[in-house]
PDB file of N, CA and C in Angstrom:
ATOM      1  N   MET A   1      86.974 110.755  71.557  1.00  0.00           N
ATOM      2  CA  MET A   1      85.640 111.050  72.242  1.00  0.00           C
ATOM      3  C   MET A   1      84.582 110.042  71.786  1.00  0.00           C
ATOM      4  N   LEU A   2      83.809 109.450  72.725  1.00  0.00           N
ATOM      5  CA  LEU A   2      82.730 108.504  72.196  1.00  0.00           C
ATOM      6  C   LEU A   2      81.319 109.295  72.251  1.00  0.00           C
ATOM      7  N   SER A   3      80.545 108.703  71.510  1.00  0.00           N
ATOM      8  CA  SER A   3      79.186 109.367  71.487  1.00  0.00           C
ATOM      9  C   SER A   3      78.057 108.320  71.881  1.00  0.00           C
ATOM     10  N   VAL A   4      77.026 108.686  72.741  1.00  0.00           N
ATOM     11  CA  VAL A   4      75.913 107.702  72.869  1.00  0.00           C
ATOM     12  C   VAL A   4      74.696 108.536  72.756  1.00  0.00           C
ATOM     13  N   LYS A   5      73.459 107.780  72.754  1.00  0.00           N
ATOM     14  CA  LYS A   5      72.212 108.289  72.412  1.00  0.00           C
ATOM     15  C   LYS A   5      71.327 108.089  73.576  1.00  0.00           C
ATOM     16  N   VAL A   6      70.690 109.082  74.158  1.00  0.00           N
ATOM     17  CA  VAL A   6      69.746 109.085  75.260  1.00  0.00           C
ATOM     18  C   VAL A   6      68.497 108.423  74.614  1.00  0.00           C
ATOM     19  N   ASN A   7      68.022 107.284  75.486  1.00  0.00           N
ATOM     20  CA  ASN A   7      66.800 106.636  74.949  1.00  0.00           C
ATOM     21  C   ASN A   7      65.579 107.274  75.604  1.00  0.00           C
ATOM     22  N   VAL A   8      64.409 106.760  75.366  1.00  0.00           N
ATOM     23  CA  VAL A   8      63.142 107.461  75.874  1.00  0.00           C
ATOM     24  C   VAL A   8      62.981 107.448  77.354  1.00  0.00           C
ATOM     25  N   LYS A   9      63.554 106.609  78.085  1.00  0.00           N
ATOM     26  CA  LYS A   9      63.847 106.532  79.503  1.00  0.00           C
ATOM     27  C   LYS A   9      65.041 107.386  80.095  1.00  0.00           C
ATOM     28  N   HIS A  10      65.448 108.208  79.227  1.00  0.00           N
ATOM     29  CA  HIS A  10      66.543 109.150  79.675  1.00  0.00           C
ATOM     30  C   HIS A  10      67.812 108.295  80.055  1.00  0.00           C
ATOM     31  N   GLN A  11      68.084 107.010  79.605  1.00  0.00           N
ATOM     32  CA  GLN A  11      69.103 106.225  79.824  1.00  0.00           C
ATOM     33  C   GLN A  11      70.125 106.334  78.848  1.00  0.00           C
ATOM     34  N   ILE A  12      71.312 106.138  79.172  1.00  0.00           N
ATOM     35  CA  ILE A  12      72.447 106.041  78.214  1.00  0.00           C
ATOM     36  C   ILE A  12      73.084 104.857  78.227  1.00  0.00           C
ATOM     37  N   PRO A  13      73.628 104.205  77.181  1.00  0.00           N
ATOM     38  CA  PRO A  13      74.491 102.944  77.413  1.00  0.00           C
ATOM     39  C   PRO A  13      75.878 103.390  77.598  1.00  0.00           C
ATOM     40  N   LEU A  14      76.638 102.552  78.213  1.00  0.00           N
ATOM     41  CA  LEU A  14      77.992 102.934  78.453  1.00  0.00           C
ATOM     42  C   LEU A  14      78.786 102.170  77.278  1.00  0.00           C
ATOM     43  N   PRO A  15      79.590 102.745  76.605  1.00  0.00           N
ATOM     44  CA  PRO A  15      80.525 102.130  75.553  1.00  0.00           C
ATOM     45  C   PRO A  15      81.336 101.041  76.271  1.00  0.00           C
ATOM     46  N   SER A  16      81.592  99.892  75.417  1.00  0.00           N
ATOM     47  CA  SER A  16      82.337  98.895  75.951  1.00  0.00           C
ATOM     48  C   SER A  16      83.692  99.416  76.463  1.00  0.00           C
ATOM     49  N   ALA A  17      84.328 100.276  75.814  1.00  0.00           N
ATOM     50  CA  ALA A  17      85.720 100.768  76.153  1.00  0.00           C
ATOM     51  C   ALA A  17      85.603 101.347  77.484  1.00  0.00           C
ATOM     52  N   VAL A  18      84.628 102.135  77.801  1.00  0.00           N
ATOM     53  CA  VAL A  18      84.384 102.656  79.311  1.00  0.00           C
ATOM     54  C   VAL A  18      84.218 101.689  80.182  1.00  0.00           C
ATOM     55  N   ILE A  19      83.397 100.614  79.961  1.00  0.00           N
ATOM     56  CA  ILE A  19      83.227  99.622  80.871  1.00  0.00           C
ATOM     57  C   ILE A  19      84.591  98.852  81.090  1.00  0.00           C
ATOM     58  N   LYS A  20      85.277  98.675  80.225  1.00  0.00           N
ATOM     59  CA  LYS A  20      86.600  97.900  80.351  1.00  0.00           C
ATOM     60  C   LYS A  20      87.566  98.890  81.022  1.00  0.00           C
ATOM     61  N   GLU A  21      87.575 100.172  80.853  1.00  0.00           N
ATOM     62  CA  GLU A  21      88.414 101.171  81.453  1.00  0.00           C
ATOM     63  C   GLU A  21      88.272 101.159  82.925  1.00  0.00           C
ATOM     64  N   LEU A  22      86.988 101.245  83.234  1.00  0.00           N
ATOM     65  CA  LEU A  22      86.496 101.474  84.665  1.00  0.00           C
ATOM     66  C   LEU A  22      86.334  99.988  85.346  1.00  0.00           C
ATOM     67  N   ASN A  23      86.535  98.970  84.640  1.00  0.00           N
ATOM     68  CA  ASN A  23      86.221  97.605  85.081  1.00  0.00           C
ATOM     69  C   ASN A  23      84.944  97.512  85.792  1.00  0.00           C
ATOM     70  N   ILE A  24      83.798  97.825  84.978  1.00  0.00           N
ATOM     71  CA  ILE A  24      82.546  97.937  85.646  1.00  0.00           C
ATOM     72  C   ILE A  24      81.870  96.475  85.442  1.00  0.00           C
ATOM     73  N   GLN A  25      81.297  96.075  86.543  1.00  0.00           N
ATOM     74  CA  GLN A  25      80.790  94.780  86.447  1.00  0.00           C
ATOM     75  C   GLN A  25      79.206  94.959  86.673  1.00  0.00           C
ATOM     76  N   LYS A  26      78.461  93.860  86.230  1.00  0.00           N
ATOM     77  CA  LYS A  26      76.954  93.803  86.324  1.00  0.00           C
ATOM     78  C   LYS A  26      76.719  94.020  87.935  1.00  0.00           C
ATOM     79  N   GLY A  27      75.741  94.959  88.221  1.00  0.00           N
ATOM     80  CA  GLY A  27      75.423  95.300  89.604  1.00  0.00           C
ATOM     81  C   GLY A  27      76.219  96.348  90.185  1.00  0.00           C
ATOM     82  N   ASP A  28      77.321  96.756  89.728  1.00  0.00           N
ATOM     83  CA  ASP A  28      78.182  97.848  90.196  1.00  0.00           C
ATOM     84  C   ASP A  28      77.405  99.174  90.354  1.00  0.00           C
ATOM     85  N   ASN A  29      77.792  99.977  91.411  1.00  0.00           N
ATOM     86  CA  ASN A  29      77.328 101.258  91.402  1.00  0.00           C
ATOM     87  C   ASN A  29      78.406 102.226  90.999  1.00  0.00           C
ATOM     88  N   LEU A  30      77.689 103.379  90.372  1.00  0.00           N
ATOM     89  CA  LEU A  30      78.631 104.514  89.752  1.00  0.00           C
ATOM     90  C   LEU A  30      78.243 105.728  90.503  1.00  0.00           C
ATOM     91  N   LEU A  31      79.261 106.542  90.860  1.00  0.00           N
ATOM     92  CA  LEU A  31      79.127 107.754  91.223  1.00  0.00           C
ATOM     93  C   LEU A  31      78.886 108.686  90.189  1.00  0.00           C
ATOM     94  N   VAL A  32      77.807 109.738  90.151  1.00  0.00           N
ATOM     95  CA  VAL A  32      77.565 110.656  89.187  1.00  0.00           C
ATOM     96  C   VAL A  32      77.842 112.032  89.699  1.00  0.00           C
ATOM     97  N   ASP A  33      78.624 112.898  89.046  1.00  0.00           N
ATOM     98  CA  ASP A  33      78.746 114.201  89.548  1.00  0.00           C
ATOM     99  C   ASP A  33      78.713 115.054  88.322  1.00  0.00           C
ATOM    100  N   VAL A  34      78.193 116.315  88.494  1.00  0.00           N
ATOM    101  CA  VAL A  34      78.123 117.405  87.448  1.00  0.00           C
ATOM    102  C   VAL A  34      79.145 118.500  87.820  1.00  0.00           C
ATOM    103  N   GLN A  35      80.132 118.681  87.099  1.00  0.00           N
ATOM    104  CA  GLN A  35      81.198 119.761  87.385  1.00  0.00           C
ATOM    105  C   GLN A  35      81.203 120.733  86.209  1.00  0.00           C
ATOM    106  N   ASP A  36      80.671 121.895  86.224  1.00  0.00           N
ATOM    107  CA  ASP A  36      80.766 122.933  85.232  1.00  0.00           C
ATOM    108  C   ASP A  36      80.072 122.445  83.975  1.00  0.00           C
ATOM    109  N   SER A  37      78.876 121.924  84.091  1.00  0.00           N
ATOM    110  CA  SER A  37      78.151 121.303  83.004  1.00  0.00           C
ATOM    111  C   SER A  37      78.633 120.096  82.252  1.00  0.00           C
ATOM    112  N   VAL A  38      79.689 119.340  83.012  1.00  0.00           N
ATOM    113  CA  VAL A  38      80.124 118.174  82.565  1.00  0.00           C
ATOM    114  C   VAL A  38      79.833 116.957  83.432  1.00  0.00           C
ATOM    115  N   VAL A  39      79.244 116.004  82.935  1.00  0.00           N
ATOM    116  CA  VAL A  39      78.977 114.772  83.750  1.00  0.00           C
ATOM    117  C   VAL A  39      80.043 113.894  83.773  1.00  0.00           C
ATOM    118  N   VAL A  40      80.163 113.619  85.154  1.00  0.00           N
ATOM    119  CA  VAL A  40      81.555 112.799  85.528  1.00  0.00           C
ATOM    120  C   VAL A  40      80.943 111.506  86.072  1.00  0.00           C
ATOM    121  N   LEU A  41      81.431 110.308  85.639  1.00  0.00           N
ATOM    122  CA  LEU A  41      81.097 109.026  86.106  1.00  0.00           C
ATOM    123  C   LEU A  41      82.302 108.367  86.688  1.00  0.00           C
ATOM    124  N   MET A  42      82.196 107.888  87.976  1.00  0.00           N
ATOM    125  CA  MET A  42      83.288 107.352  88.584  1.00  0.00           C
ATOM    126  C   MET A  42      82.839 105.946  89.264  1.00  0.00           C
ATOM    127  N   SER A  43      83.852 104.995  89.289  1.00  0.00           N
ATOM    128  CA  SER A  43      83.375 103.789  89.896  1.00  0.00           C
ATOM    129  C   SER A  43      83.167 104.017  91.413  1.00  0.00           C
ATOM    130  N   CYS A  44      82.207 103.453  91.945  1.00  0.00           N
ATOM    131  CA  CYS A  44      81.875 103.577  93.463  1.00  0.00           C
ATOM    132  C   CYS A  44      82.778 102.478  94.203  1.00  0.00           C
ATOM    133  N   PRO A  45      83.528 102.957  94.974  1.00  0.00           N
ATOM    134  CA  PRO A  45      84.536 101.856  95.687  1.00  0.00           C
ATOM    135  C   PRO A  45      83.591 100.768  96.384  1.00  0.00           C
ATOM    136  N   LYS A  46      84.095  99.731  96.429  1.00  0.00           N
ATOM    137  CA  LYS A  46      83.405  98.506  97.085  1.00  0.00           C
ATOM    138  C   LYS A  46      83.263  98.603  98.401  1.00  0.00           C
ATOM    139  N   ARG A  47      84.545  99.207  99.181  1.00  0.00           N
ATOM    140  CA  ARG A  47      84.494  99.377 100.580  1.00  0.00           C
ATOM    141  C   ARG A  47      85.341 100.763 100.636  1.00  0.00           C
ATOM    142  N   TYR A  48      84.660 101.725 101.334  1.00  0.00           N
ATOM    143  CA  TYR A  48      85.260 103.201 101.366  1.00  0.00           C
ATOM    144  C   TYR A  48      86.341 103.162 102.330  1.00  0.00           C
ATOM    145  N   THR A  49      86.322 102.264 103.258  1.00  0.00           N
ATOM    146  CA  THR A  49      87.613 102.210 104.224  1.00  0.00           C
ATOM    147  C   THR A  49      88.811 101.895 103.420  1.00  0.00           C
ATOM    148  N   ASP A  50      88.802 101.019 102.560  1.00  0.00           N
ATOM    149  CA  ASP A  50      89.815 100.549 101.822  1.00  0.00           C
ATOM    150  C   ASP A  50      90.372 101.645 100.830  1.00  0.00           C
ATOM    151  N   TYR A  51      89.348 102.345 100.166  1.00  0.00           N
ATOM    152  CA  TYR A  51      89.491 103.265  99.239  1.00  0.00           C
ATOM    153  C   TYR A  51      90.048 104.605  99.919  1.00  0.00           C
ATOM    154  N   LEU A  52      89.752 104.892 101.212  1.00  0.00           N
ATOM    155  CA  LEU A  52      90.237 106.076 101.801  1.00  0.00           C
ATOM    156  C   LEU A  52      91.523 105.841 102.854  1.00  0.00           C
ATOM    157  N   GLN A  53      91.751 104.517 102.983  1.00  0.00           N
ATOM    158  CA  GLN A  53      93.085 104.333 103.755  1.00  0.00           C
ATOM    159  C   GLN A  53      94.205 105.083 103.250  1.00  0.00           C
ATOM    160  N   GLY A  54      94.955 105.833 104.117  1.00  0.00           N
ATOM    161  CA  GLY A  54      96.046 106.535 103.895  1.00  0.00           C
ATOM    162  C   GLY A  54      95.873 107.891 103.186  1.00  0.00           C
ATOM    163  N   LEU A  55      94.590 108.382 103.093  1.00  0.00           N
ATOM    164  CA  LEU A  55      94.321 109.500 102.536  1.00  0.00           C
ATOM    165  C   LEU A  55      94.813 110.765 103.408  1.00  0.00           C
ATOM    166  N   HIS A  56      95.532 111.566 102.895  1.00  0.00           N
ATOM    167  CA  HIS A  56      95.988 112.734 103.657  1.00  0.00           C
ATOM    168  C   HIS A  56      97.019 112.433 104.685  1.00  0.00           C
ATOM    169  N   GLY A  57      97.614 111.207 104.473  1.00  0.00           N
ATOM    170  CA  GLY A  57      98.712 110.856 105.555  1.00  0.00           C
ATOM    171  C   GLY A  57      99.775 111.751 105.784  1.00  0.00           C
ATOM    172  N   ASP A  58     100.002 112.644 104.687  1.00  0.00           N
ATOM    173  CA  ASP A  58     101.187 113.617 104.778  1.00  0.00           C
ATOM    174  C   ASP A  58     100.730 114.783 105.860  1.00  0.00           C
ATOM    175  N   ILE A  59      99.487 114.908 106.201  1.00  0.00           N
ATOM    176  CA  ILE A  59      99.190 115.908 107.135  1.00  0.00           C
ATOM    177  C   ILE A  59      99.779 115.345 108.597  1.00  0.00           C
ATOM    178  N   TRP A  60      99.801 114.367 108.835  1.00  0.00           N
ATOM    179  CA  TRP A  60     100.163 113.784 110.101  1.00  0.00           C
ATOM    180  C   TRP A  60     101.667 113.412 110.304  1.00  0.00           C
ATOM    181  N   LYS A  61     102.566 113.642 109.183  1.00  0.00           N
ATOM    182  CA  LYS A  61     103.860 113.462 109.227  1.00  0.00           C
ATOM    183  C   LYS A  61     104.348 114.230 110.370  1.00  0.00           C
ATOM    184  N   GLY A  62     105.397 113.646 111.172  1.00  0.00           N
ATOM    185  CA  GLY A  62     106.054 114.290 112.268  1.00  0.00           C
ATOM    186  C   GLY A  62     105.283 114.575 113.433  1.00  0.00           C
ATOM    187  N   VAL A  63     103.850 114.136 113.369  1.00  0.00           N
ATOM    188  CA  VAL A  63     103.079 114.324 114.605  1.00  0.00           C
ATOM    189  C   VAL A  63     102.998 113.053 115.375  1.00  0.00           C
ATOM    190  N   ASP A  64     102.910 113.108 116.696  1.00  0.00           N
ATOM    191  CA  ASP A  64     102.918 112.051 117.468  1.00  0.00           C
ATOM    192  C   ASP A  64     101.421 111.926 117.688  1.00  0.00           C
ATOM    193  N   VAL A  65     100.710 110.999 116.919  1.00  0.00           N
ATOM    194  CA  VAL A  65      99.251 110.926 116.986  1.00  0.00           C
ATOM    195  C   VAL A  65      98.685 110.586 118.247  1.00  0.00           C
ATOM    196  N   GLN A  66      99.316 109.603 119.071  1.00  0.00           N
ATOM    197  CA  GLN A  66      98.857 109.272 120.335  1.00  0.00           C
ATOM    198  C   GLN A  66      98.858 110.447 121.281  1.00  0.00           C
ATOM    199  N   LYS A  67      99.907 111.225 121.267  1.00  0.00           N
ATOM    200  CA  LYS A  67     100.056 112.475 122.085  1.00  0.00           C
ATOM    201  C   LYS A  67      98.971 113.489 121.659  1.00  0.00           C
ATOM    202  N   TYR A  68      98.627 113.572 120.353  1.00  0.00           N
ATOM    203  CA  TYR A  68      97.532 114.534 119.902  1.00  0.00           C
ATOM    204  C   TYR A  68      96.160 114.163 120.484  1.00  0.00           C
ATOM    205  N   LEU A  69      96.015 112.750 120.324  1.00  0.00           N
ATOM    206  CA  LEU A  69      94.724 112.355 120.781  1.00  0.00           C
ATOM    207  C   LEU A  69      94.485 112.419 122.304  1.00  0.00           C
ATOM    208  N   ASN A  70      95.583 112.209 123.008  1.00  0.00           N
ATOM    209  CA  ASN A  70      95.412 112.354 124.413  1.00  0.00           C
ATOM    210  C   ASN A  70      95.207 113.853 124.767  1.00  0.00           C
ATOM    211  N   GLY A  71      95.787 114.570 124.099  1.00  0.00           N
ATOM    212  CA  GLY A  71      95.582 116.154 124.279  1.00  0.00           C
ATOM    213  C   GLY A  71      94.136 116.495 124.125  1.00  0.00           C
ATOM    214  N   GLU A  72      93.625 115.919 122.890  1.00  0.00           N
ATOM    215  CA  GLU A  72      92.167 116.302 122.650  1.00  0.00           C
ATOM    216  C   GLU A  72      91.171 115.704 123.779  1.00  0.00           C
ATOM    217  N   CYS A  73      91.598 114.361 124.075  1.00  0.00           N
ATOM    218  CA  CYS A  73      90.700 113.897 125.242  1.00  0.00           C
ATOM    219  C   CYS A  73      90.783 114.745 126.506  1.00  0.00           C
ATOM    220  N   GLU A  74      91.933 115.225 126.822  1.00  0.00           N
ATOM    221  CA  GLU A  74      92.020 116.011 128.043  1.00  0.00           C
ATOM    222  C   GLU A  74      91.344 117.305 127.842  1.00  0.00           C
ATOM    223  N   GLY A  75      91.145 117.892 126.628  1.00  0.00           N
ATOM    224  CA  GLY A  75      90.488 119.166 126.348  1.00  0.00           C
ATOM    225  C   GLY A  75      88.977 118.829 126.539  1.00  0.00           C
ATOM    226  N   TRP A  76      88.526 117.698 126.192  1.00  0.00           N
ATOM    227  CA  TRP A  76      87.108 117.381 126.413  1.00  0.00           C
ATOM    228  C   TRP A  76      86.743 117.168 127.815  1.00  0.00           C
ATOM    229  N   LYS A  77      87.595 116.555 128.556  1.00  0.00           N
ATOM    230  CA  LYS A  77      87.374 116.297 130.006  1.00  0.00           C
ATOM    231  C   LYS A  77      87.294 117.539 130.864  1.00  0.00           C
ATOM    232  N   SER A  78      88.243 118.622 130.425  1.00  0.00           N
ATOM    233  CA  SER A  78      88.249 119.827 131.063  1.00  0.00           C
ATOM    234  C   SER A  78      87.028 120.752 130.919  1.00  0.00           C
ATOM    235  N   LYS A  79      86.317 120.489 129.878  1.00  0.00           N
ATOM    236  CA  LYS A  79      85.112 121.242 129.593  1.00  0.00           C
ATOM    237  C   LYS A  79      83.858 120.833 130.391  1.00  0.00           C
ATOM    238  N   ASP A  80      83.954 119.641 131.092  1.00  0.00           N
ATOM    239  CA  ASP A  80      82.814 118.990 131.911  1.00  0.00           C
ATOM    240  C   ASP A  80      82.696 119.935 133.201  1.00  0.00           C
TER     241      ASP A  80
END
């Protein structure tokens, strides 16, 4: 575990080990979350579409996606 000191502007420096681990570059954005009184820092994806690609793909296994979408479109049309 690493320790850092909060400065007068309430800023904290990131240890070089953390910078290397997360591959943080100058100008990068970090996501900050608090979970049960624990601060969590995460690298902000450069492109969310690349980051989220394939997420929850298991939900669609065995489903004919085009057939599902066609059914949804038909449902919207019938509501008019």
